[in-house]
Amino acid sequence: MATSAFNRAPSDNMMITNQSNTSLAHDFHSIELCFEHNPVSVSASEMGFAHVFVRLALERHLLSRHLSELFSHSDLLQTLYKREAFLRTDGEDLRKQFLAHIESLELLDYKCFSNSYPDIDIIYHVIIVPTRARATGISSITTANPYIALAGILGSTKVIP
């Protein structure tokens, strides 16, 4: 049985939160968190995981950046892909042209991840940073370090007027 994000140690969650919000590793880990605690995983295969990753990257306007990062790791591409695969092509012009087409897709707003998986529990991490309370005249700093993890399904929260 997979462990949910709620069963993780707070230090594990903090490490995840401290990753760059636009990094490739952050998106991979976000997908793992979304699907690891659901009984029926739609990304059970590598192909399913790839579909979910592309949809999330399109929605976040990061697909071109992620593909550029993958192109820069030729040693990884050599171990994972056959020689005739597009990702291993030596034509730098062909890669640039492909990325230019992907960047044109990023001009539009896609909801392909959110709308395709509406029953997925999406985990949100909230970190409250203690500061000096100046507005109330209290001059002490709190020593509390709260950590909150919320989960929900798309549309489960009512609109707040």
N, C-alpha and C. Protein backbone atom coordinates (compact mmCIF):
# COMPACT_ATOMS: atom_id res chain seq x y z
N MET A 1 0.84 -1.18 0.00
CA MET A 1 0.00 0.00 0.00
C MET A 1 0.88 1.24 0.00
N ALA A 2 0.58 2.18 -0.85
CA ALA A 2 1.38 3.39 -0.96
C ALA A 2 1.07 4.31 0.21
N THR A 3 2.06 5.08 0.63
CA THR A 3 1.86 6.01 1.72
C THR A 3 1.42 7.34 1.15
N SER A 4 0.50 8.00 1.82
CA SER A 4 0.04 9.30 1.36
C SER A 4 0.97 10.38 1.89
N ALA A 5 0.77 11.58 1.39
CA ALA A 5 1.60 12.70 1.82
C ALA A 5 1.36 13.02 3.29
N PHE A 6 0.20 12.60 3.83
CA PHE A 6 -0.09 12.87 5.22
C PHE A 6 0.72 11.97 6.15
N ASN A 7 1.21 10.83 5.65
CA ASN A 7 1.99 9.91 6.46
C ASN A 7 3.48 10.18 6.38
N ARG A 8 3.87 11.19 5.64
CA ARG A 8 5.28 11.51 5.51
C ARG A 8 5.75 12.31 6.71
N ALA A 9 7.02 12.26 6.94
CA ALA A 9 7.60 13.09 7.99
C ALA A 9 7.56 14.54 7.53
N PRO A 10 7.36 15.51 8.44
CA PRO A 10 7.34 16.91 8.04
C PRO A 10 8.60 17.34 7.30
N SER A 11 9.74 16.75 7.64
CA SER A 11 10.98 17.12 6.96
C SER A 11 10.94 16.70 5.49
N ASP A 12 10.29 15.55 5.18
CA ASP A 12 10.15 15.12 3.79
C ASP A 12 9.30 16.12 3.02
N ASN A 13 8.20 16.55 3.63
CA ASN A 13 7.32 17.51 2.97
C ASN A 13 8.01 18.85 2.77
N MET A 14 8.82 19.26 3.74
CA MET A 14 9.54 20.52 3.62
C MET A 14 10.53 20.45 2.47
N MET A 15 11.19 19.31 2.29
CA MET A 15 12.14 19.16 1.20
C MET A 15 11.41 19.31 -0.13
N ILE A 16 10.23 18.73 -0.24
CA ILE A 16 9.45 18.83 -1.47
C ILE A 16 9.04 20.27 -1.71
N THR A 17 8.61 20.96 -0.67
CA THR A 17 8.14 22.32 -0.79
C THR A 17 9.27 23.26 -1.19
N ASN A 18 10.49 22.97 -0.74
CA ASN A 18 11.61 23.85 -1.02
C ASN A 18 12.15 23.72 -2.43
N GLN A 19 11.72 22.71 -3.18
CA GLN A 19 12.15 22.59 -4.57
C GLN A 19 11.55 23.73 -5.37
N SER A 20 12.22 24.11 -6.43
CA SER A 20 11.71 25.15 -7.31
C SER A 20 10.35 24.74 -7.85
N ASN A 21 9.40 25.65 -7.78
CA ASN A 21 8.04 25.35 -8.20
C ASN A 21 7.94 25.11 -9.70
N THR A 22 8.95 25.49 -10.47
CA THR A 22 8.93 25.29 -11.91
C THR A 22 9.92 24.23 -12.37
N SER A 23 10.48 23.48 -11.45
CA SER A 23 11.48 22.50 -11.84
C SER A 23 10.84 21.22 -12.35
N LEU A 24 11.59 20.50 -13.14
CA LEU A 24 11.15 19.22 -13.69
C LEU A 24 10.91 18.22 -12.56
N ALA A 25 11.81 18.19 -11.58
CA ALA A 25 11.66 17.27 -10.44
C ALA A 25 10.40 17.57 -9.65
N HIS A 26 10.07 18.85 -9.50
CA HIS A 26 8.86 19.24 -8.77
C HIS A 26 7.61 18.69 -9.45
N ASP A 27 7.55 18.80 -10.78
CA ASP A 27 6.38 18.29 -11.50
C ASP A 27 6.28 16.78 -11.43
N PHE A 28 7.41 16.08 -11.56
CA PHE A 28 7.38 14.62 -11.43
C PHE A 28 6.89 14.22 -10.04
N HIS A 29 7.39 14.90 -9.03
CA HIS A 29 6.99 14.55 -7.67
C HIS A 29 5.52 14.91 -7.42
N SER A 30 5.05 16.01 -8.00
CA SER A 30 3.64 16.38 -7.85
C SER A 30 2.73 15.31 -8.42
N ILE A 31 3.11 14.76 -9.58
CA ILE A 31 2.31 13.70 -10.20
C ILE A 31 2.32 12.46 -9.32
N GLU A 32 3.48 12.12 -8.79
CA GLU A 32 3.56 10.95 -7.89
C GLU A 32 2.67 11.15 -6.68
N LEU A 33 2.67 12.34 -6.09
CA LEU A 33 1.84 12.61 -4.92
C LEU A 33 0.35 12.52 -5.25
N CYS A 34 -0.03 13.01 -6.43
CA CYS A 34 -1.44 12.98 -6.81
C CYS A 34 -1.97 11.56 -6.96
N PHE A 35 -1.14 10.66 -7.48
CA PHE A 35 -1.63 9.34 -7.83
C PHE A 35 -1.25 8.25 -6.84
N GLU A 36 -0.33 8.50 -5.93
CA GLU A 36 0.14 7.39 -5.09
C GLU A 36 -0.88 6.93 -4.07
N HIS A 37 -1.76 7.80 -3.62
CA HIS A 37 -2.71 7.39 -2.59
C HIS A 37 -4.11 7.12 -3.13
N ASN A 38 -4.27 7.10 -4.44
CA ASN A 38 -5.56 6.76 -5.03
C ASN A 38 -5.61 5.27 -5.32
N PRO A 39 -6.74 4.61 -5.05
CA PRO A 39 -6.81 3.16 -5.21
C PRO A 39 -6.62 2.69 -6.65
N VAL A 40 -7.14 3.43 -7.61
CA VAL A 40 -6.97 3.05 -9.01
C VAL A 40 -6.14 4.14 -9.67
N SER A 41 -4.94 3.79 -10.03
CA SER A 41 -4.05 4.78 -10.62
C SER A 41 -4.19 4.78 -12.13
N VAL A 42 -4.50 5.95 -12.69
CA VAL A 42 -4.61 6.05 -14.14
C VAL A 42 -3.25 6.15 -14.80
N SER A 43 -2.21 6.33 -14.01
CA SER A 43 -0.87 6.42 -14.57
C SER A 43 -0.06 5.18 -14.21
N ALA A 44 -0.71 4.02 -14.27
CA ALA A 44 -0.05 2.78 -13.86
C ALA A 44 1.12 2.42 -14.78
N SER A 45 1.07 2.81 -16.02
CA SER A 45 2.15 2.49 -16.95
C SER A 45 3.04 3.71 -17.15
N GLU A 46 4.19 3.48 -17.74
CA GLU A 46 5.08 4.60 -18.06
C GLU A 46 4.43 5.54 -19.06
N MET A 47 3.67 4.98 -19.98
CA MET A 47 2.99 5.80 -20.98
C MET A 47 1.93 6.67 -20.32
N GLY A 48 1.19 6.10 -19.37
CA GLY A 48 0.19 6.88 -18.64
C GLY A 48 0.83 8.00 -17.85
N PHE A 49 1.97 7.72 -17.23
CA PHE A 49 2.69 8.74 -16.48
C PHE A 49 3.15 9.85 -17.43
N ALA A 50 3.61 9.48 -18.62
CA ALA A 50 4.06 10.47 -19.61
C ALA A 50 2.89 11.36 -20.05
N HIS A 51 1.71 10.77 -20.25
CA HIS A 51 0.53 11.56 -20.64
C HIS A 51 0.20 12.57 -19.55
N VAL A 52 0.20 12.12 -18.31
CA VAL A 52 -0.12 13.01 -17.20
C VAL A 52 0.91 14.12 -17.10
N PHE A 53 2.19 13.77 -17.27
CA PHE A 53 3.26 14.76 -17.18
C PHE A 53 3.10 15.83 -18.27
N VAL A 54 2.83 15.43 -19.50
CA VAL A 54 2.67 16.39 -20.59
C VAL A 54 1.47 17.29 -20.33
N ARG A 55 0.38 16.72 -19.84
CA ARG A 55 -0.81 17.53 -19.55
C ARG A 55 -0.53 18.55 -18.45
N LEU A 56 0.15 18.12 -17.40
CA LEU A 56 0.47 19.05 -16.32
C LEU A 56 1.42 20.14 -16.80
N ALA A 57 2.45 19.77 -17.56
CA ALA A 57 3.41 20.75 -18.06
C ALA A 57 2.75 21.73 -19.02
N LEU A 58 1.81 21.27 -19.84
CA LEU A 58 1.07 22.17 -20.73
C LEU A 58 0.23 23.15 -19.93
N GLU A 59 -0.44 22.64 -18.91
CA GLU A 59 -1.29 23.50 -18.10
C GLU A 59 -0.48 24.55 -17.36
N ARG A 60 0.72 24.19 -16.94
CA ARG A 60 1.58 25.11 -16.20
C ARG A 60 2.49 25.95 -17.10
N HIS A 61 2.37 25.80 -18.42
CA HIS A 61 3.19 26.52 -19.40
C HIS A 61 4.67 26.24 -19.22
N LEU A 62 5.02 25.00 -18.90
CA LEU A 62 6.42 24.63 -18.65
C LEU A 62 6.92 23.52 -19.56
N LEU A 63 6.13 23.10 -20.53
CA LEU A 63 6.52 21.96 -21.36
C LEU A 63 7.81 22.24 -22.13
N SER A 64 7.93 23.40 -22.71
CA SER A 64 9.14 23.74 -23.47
C SER A 64 10.37 23.75 -22.56
N ARG A 65 10.23 24.31 -21.38
CA ARG A 65 11.35 24.36 -20.43
C ARG A 65 11.76 22.95 -20.00
N HIS A 66 10.77 22.10 -19.72
CA HIS A 66 11.08 20.73 -19.30
C HIS A 66 11.74 19.93 -20.42
N LEU A 67 11.25 20.09 -21.64
CA LEU A 67 11.86 19.37 -22.76
C LEU A 67 13.27 19.88 -23.03
N SER A 68 13.49 21.17 -22.89
CA SER A 68 14.85 21.71 -23.06
C SER A 68 15.80 21.10 -22.03
N GLU A 69 15.31 20.96 -20.81
CA GLU A 69 16.13 20.35 -19.77
C GLU A 69 16.43 18.89 -20.09
N LEU A 70 15.44 18.17 -20.60
CA LEU A 70 15.66 16.78 -20.99
C LEU A 70 16.66 16.67 -22.14
N PHE A 71 16.56 17.58 -23.11
CA PHE A 71 17.49 17.58 -24.25
C PHE A 71 18.93 17.80 -23.78
N SER A 72 19.11 18.53 -22.70
CA SER A 72 20.47 18.82 -22.23
C SER A 72 21.14 17.62 -21.56
N HIS A 73 20.39 16.59 -21.22
CA HIS A 73 20.95 15.40 -20.57
C HIS A 73 21.09 14.27 -21.59
N SER A 74 22.08 14.38 -22.45
CA SER A 74 22.25 13.39 -23.53
C SER A 74 22.59 12.01 -22.99
N ASP A 75 23.32 11.94 -21.88
CA ASP A 75 23.65 10.63 -21.31
C ASP A 75 22.39 9.89 -20.84
N LEU A 76 21.46 10.61 -20.26
CA LEU A 76 20.20 10.02 -19.82
C LEU A 76 19.36 9.58 -21.03
N LEU A 77 19.32 10.42 -22.06
CA LEU A 77 18.55 10.07 -23.26
C LEU A 77 19.12 8.84 -23.94
N GLN A 78 20.44 8.69 -23.93
CA GLN A 78 21.06 7.53 -24.56
C GLN A 78 20.69 6.23 -23.85
N THR A 79 20.57 6.29 -22.54
CA THR A 79 20.24 5.07 -21.80
C THR A 79 18.75 4.73 -21.88
N LEU A 80 17.89 5.74 -22.05
CA LEU A 80 16.44 5.50 -22.02
C LEU A 80 15.79 5.31 -23.38
N TYR A 81 16.40 5.85 -24.44
CA TYR A 81 15.75 5.84 -25.74
C TYR A 81 16.61 5.15 -26.79
N LYS A 82 15.93 4.57 -27.78
CA LYS A 82 16.63 3.94 -28.90
C LYS A 82 17.33 5.02 -29.73
N ARG A 83 18.29 4.59 -30.52
CA ARG A 83 19.09 5.53 -31.29
C ARG A 83 18.25 6.34 -32.27
N GLU A 84 17.20 5.75 -32.83
CA GLU A 84 16.39 6.45 -33.83
C GLU A 84 15.29 7.31 -33.21
N ALA A 85 15.19 7.38 -31.90
CA ALA A 85 14.17 8.18 -31.24
C ALA A 85 14.40 9.67 -31.50
N PHE A 86 13.29 10.42 -31.59
CA PHE A 86 13.39 11.85 -31.86
C PHE A 86 14.20 12.59 -30.79
N LEU A 87 14.03 12.19 -29.54
CA LEU A 87 14.74 12.87 -28.46
C LEU A 87 16.25 12.74 -28.57
N ARG A 88 16.73 11.73 -29.28
CA ARG A 88 18.17 11.52 -29.42
C ARG A 88 18.73 12.08 -30.72
N THR A 89 17.93 12.79 -31.49
CA THR A 89 18.40 13.31 -32.76
C THR A 89 19.56 14.29 -32.54
N ASP A 90 20.50 14.28 -33.47
CA ASP A 90 21.66 15.16 -33.36
C ASP A 90 21.40 16.53 -33.96
N GLY A 91 20.31 16.68 -34.69
CA GLY A 91 20.02 17.95 -35.35
C GLY A 91 19.56 19.01 -34.36
N GLU A 92 20.46 19.91 -34.02
CA GLU A 92 20.13 20.99 -33.08
C GLU A 92 19.03 21.90 -33.66
N ASP A 93 19.08 22.12 -34.98
CA ASP A 93 18.05 22.96 -35.62
C ASP A 93 16.67 22.31 -35.50
N LEU A 94 16.62 21.01 -35.65
CA LEU A 94 15.36 20.28 -35.54
C LEU A 94 14.80 20.40 -34.12
N ARG A 95 15.66 20.29 -33.14
CA ARG A 95 15.22 20.44 -31.74
C ARG A 95 14.69 21.85 -31.48
N LYS A 96 15.42 22.86 -31.97
CA LYS A 96 14.99 24.25 -31.77
C LYS A 96 13.64 24.51 -32.44
N GLN A 97 13.45 23.96 -33.63
CA GLN A 97 12.18 24.12 -34.33
C GLN A 97 11.05 23.44 -33.55
N PHE A 98 11.32 22.26 -33.02
CA PHE A 98 10.33 21.54 -32.23
C PHE A 98 9.96 22.34 -30.98
N LEU A 99 10.97 22.88 -30.28
CA LEU A 99 10.71 23.66 -29.07
C LEU A 99 9.95 24.95 -29.40
N ALA A 100 10.22 25.53 -30.56
CA ALA A 100 9.48 26.74 -30.96
C ALA A 100 7.99 26.41 -31.14
N HIS A 101 7.69 25.25 -31.70
CA HIS A 101 6.28 24.85 -31.85
C HIS A 101 5.65 24.60 -30.48
N ILE A 102 6.39 24.00 -29.58
CA ILE A 102 5.88 23.76 -28.23
C ILE A 102 5.64 25.08 -27.51
N GLU A 103 6.55 26.04 -27.69
CA GLU A 103 6.38 27.35 -27.05
C GLU A 103 5.13 28.06 -27.56
N SER A 104 4.78 27.85 -28.83
CA SER A 104 3.55 28.46 -29.35
C SER A 104 2.31 27.88 -28.67
N LEU A 105 2.38 26.63 -28.23
CA LEU A 105 1.26 26.03 -27.48
C LEU A 105 1.09 26.69 -26.12
N GLU A 106 2.18 27.20 -25.58
CA GLU A 106 2.13 27.77 -24.24
C GLU A 106 1.47 29.15 -24.21
N LEU A 107 1.14 29.69 -25.37
CA LEU A 107 0.43 30.97 -25.41
C LEU A 107 -1.03 30.82 -25.00
N LEU A 108 -1.54 29.60 -25.07
CA LEU A 108 -2.93 29.33 -24.72
C LEU A 108 -3.02 28.78 -23.31
N ASP A 109 -4.18 28.94 -22.70
CA ASP A 109 -4.41 28.38 -21.37
C ASP A 109 -5.09 27.03 -21.52
N TYR A 110 -4.42 26.00 -21.04
CA TYR A 110 -4.97 24.65 -21.07
C TYR A 110 -5.38 24.25 -19.66
N LYS A 111 -6.45 23.50 -19.58
CA LYS A 111 -6.87 22.89 -18.32
C LYS A 111 -6.92 21.39 -18.51
N CYS A 112 -5.99 20.86 -19.28
CA CYS A 112 -6.03 19.45 -19.66
C CYS A 112 -5.69 18.52 -18.49
N PHE A 113 -4.92 18.96 -17.51
CA PHE A 113 -4.63 18.12 -16.36
C PHE A 113 -5.80 18.18 -15.38
N SER A 114 -6.21 19.37 -15.02
CA SER A 114 -7.30 19.55 -14.05
C SER A 114 -8.61 18.94 -14.52
N ASN A 115 -8.92 19.12 -15.81
CA ASN A 115 -10.19 18.61 -16.33
C ASN A 115 -10.16 17.12 -16.63
N SER A 116 -8.99 16.56 -16.89
CA SER A 116 -8.90 15.14 -17.22
C SER A 116 -8.96 14.25 -15.98
N TYR A 117 -8.52 14.77 -14.87
CA TYR A 117 -8.47 13.97 -13.64
C TYR A 117 -9.21 14.70 -12.52
N PRO A 118 -10.54 14.90 -12.66
CA PRO A 118 -11.26 15.68 -11.65
C PRO A 118 -11.39 14.98 -10.30
N ASP A 119 -11.22 13.67 -10.24
CA ASP A 119 -11.36 12.96 -8.97
C ASP A 119 -10.04 12.74 -8.25
N ILE A 120 -8.98 13.31 -8.76
CA ILE A 120 -7.66 13.15 -8.15
C ILE A 120 -7.55 14.09 -6.95
N ASP A 121 -7.08 13.57 -5.84
CA ASP A 121 -6.81 14.41 -4.69
C ASP A 121 -5.53 15.18 -4.96
N ILE A 122 -5.63 16.49 -5.00
CA ILE A 122 -4.46 17.34 -5.22
C ILE A 122 -4.02 17.86 -3.87
N ILE A 123 -2.77 17.63 -3.54
CA ILE A 123 -2.24 18.01 -2.23
C ILE A 123 -1.69 19.43 -2.32
N TYR A 124 -2.09 20.28 -1.40
CA TYR A 124 -1.59 21.64 -1.31
C TYR A 124 -0.77 21.75 -0.03
N HIS A 125 0.35 22.39 -0.10
CA HIS A 125 1.19 22.59 1.08
C HIS A 125 1.17 24.07 1.43
N VAL A 126 0.91 24.37 2.69
CA VAL A 126 0.87 25.74 3.17
C VAL A 126 1.90 25.86 4.28
N ILE A 127 2.77 26.82 4.14
CA ILE A 127 3.76 27.07 5.18
C ILE A 127 3.50 28.47 5.72
N ILE A 128 3.36 28.58 7.01
CA ILE A 128 3.14 29.88 7.64
C ILE A 128 4.46 30.32 8.24
N VAL A 129 4.93 31.46 7.78
CA VAL A 129 6.21 31.99 8.26
C VAL A 129 5.91 33.01 9.35
N PRO A 130 6.39 32.76 10.56
CA PRO A 130 6.12 33.70 11.65
C PRO A 130 6.85 35.02 11.44
N THR A 131 6.13 36.11 11.68
CA THR A 131 6.72 37.44 11.57
C THR A 131 6.31 38.26 12.79
N ARG A 132 6.90 39.37 12.93
CA ARG A 132 6.55 40.25 14.04
C ARG A 132 5.20 40.89 13.75
N ALA A 133 4.30 40.85 14.70
CA ALA A 133 2.96 41.41 14.53
C ALA A 133 3.01 42.90 14.83
N ARG A 134 3.11 43.73 13.81
CA ARG A 134 3.24 45.17 14.00
C ARG A 134 1.89 45.87 14.06
N ALA A 135 0.92 45.35 13.33
CA ALA A 135 -0.38 46.02 13.26
C ALA A 135 -1.10 45.99 14.60
N THR A 136 -0.92 44.95 15.38
CA THR A 136 -1.63 44.83 16.65
C THR A 136 -0.84 45.42 17.81
N GLY A 137 0.37 45.84 17.56
CA GLY A 137 1.19 46.41 18.62
C GLY A 137 1.91 45.37 19.44
N ILE A 138 1.78 44.10 19.11
CA ILE A 138 2.48 43.05 19.83
C ILE A 138 3.91 43.02 19.33
N SER A 139 4.85 43.10 20.23
CA SER A 139 6.24 43.21 19.80
C SER A 139 7.00 41.89 19.90
N SER A 140 6.32 40.82 20.20
CA SER A 140 7.02 39.54 20.31
C SER A 140 6.89 38.75 19.01
N ILE A 141 7.84 37.88 18.78
CA ILE A 141 7.81 37.01 17.61
C ILE A 141 7.40 35.63 18.09
N THR A 142 6.49 35.01 17.37
CA THR A 142 6.05 33.67 17.75
C THR A 142 7.13 32.65 17.44
N THR A 143 7.20 31.61 18.24
CA THR A 143 8.18 30.55 18.01
C THR A 143 7.53 29.34 17.34
N ALA A 144 6.25 29.46 17.04
CA ALA A 144 5.54 28.34 16.41
C ALA A 144 5.99 28.18 14.96
N ASN A 145 6.13 26.94 14.52
CA ASN A 145 6.46 26.64 13.13
C ASN A 145 5.39 25.70 12.58
N PRO A 146 4.22 26.23 12.27
CA PRO A 146 3.13 25.36 11.82
C PRO A 146 3.37 24.85 10.41
N TYR A 147 2.84 23.68 10.14
CA TYR A 147 2.88 23.07 8.81
C TYR A 147 1.50 22.48 8.55
N ILE A 148 0.91 22.83 7.44
CA ILE A 148 -0.43 22.38 7.12
C ILE A 148 -0.40 21.69 5.76
N ALA A 149 -1.02 20.53 5.64
CA ALA A 149 -1.17 19.84 4.36
C ALA A 149 -2.66 19.64 4.11
N LEU A 150 -3.14 20.14 3.01
CA LEU A 150 -4.55 20.02 2.66
C LEU A 150 -4.69 19.16 1.42
N ALA A 151 -5.79 18.46 1.31
CA ALA A 151 -6.06 17.67 0.11
C ALA A 151 -7.50 17.90 -0.28
N GLY A 152 -7.77 17.82 -1.56
CA GLY A 152 -9.14 17.99 -2.01
C GLY A 152 -9.31 17.58 -3.44
N ILE A 153 -10.54 17.55 -3.88
CA ILE A 153 -10.88 17.21 -5.25
C ILE A 153 -11.30 18.49 -5.94
N LEU A 154 -11.01 18.59 -7.23
CA LEU A 154 -11.35 19.77 -8.01
C LEU A 154 -12.82 20.11 -7.84
N GLY A 155 -13.10 21.33 -7.43
CA GLY A 155 -14.48 21.77 -7.27
C GLY A 155 -15.11 21.38 -5.95
N SER A 156 -14.35 20.78 -5.02
CA SER A 156 -14.93 20.35 -3.75
C SER A 156 -15.12 21.51 -2.78
N THR A 157 -14.41 22.59 -2.98
CA THR A 157 -14.56 23.75 -2.12
C THR A 157 -15.57 24.70 -2.75
N LYS A 158 -16.52 25.14 -1.95
CA LYS A 158 -17.53 26.06 -2.46
C LYS A 158 -16.91 27.44 -2.66
N VAL A 159 -17.51 28.21 -3.54
CA VAL A 159 -17.03 29.56 -3.81
C VAL A 159 -17.29 30.42 -2.58
N ILE A 160 -16.28 31.14 -2.17
CA ILE A 160 -16.41 32.03 -1.01
C ILE A 160 -16.84 33.40 -1.52
N PRO A 161 -17.98 33.91 -1.04
CA PRO A 161 -18.46 35.22 -1.54
C PRO A 161 -17.60 36.36 -1.08
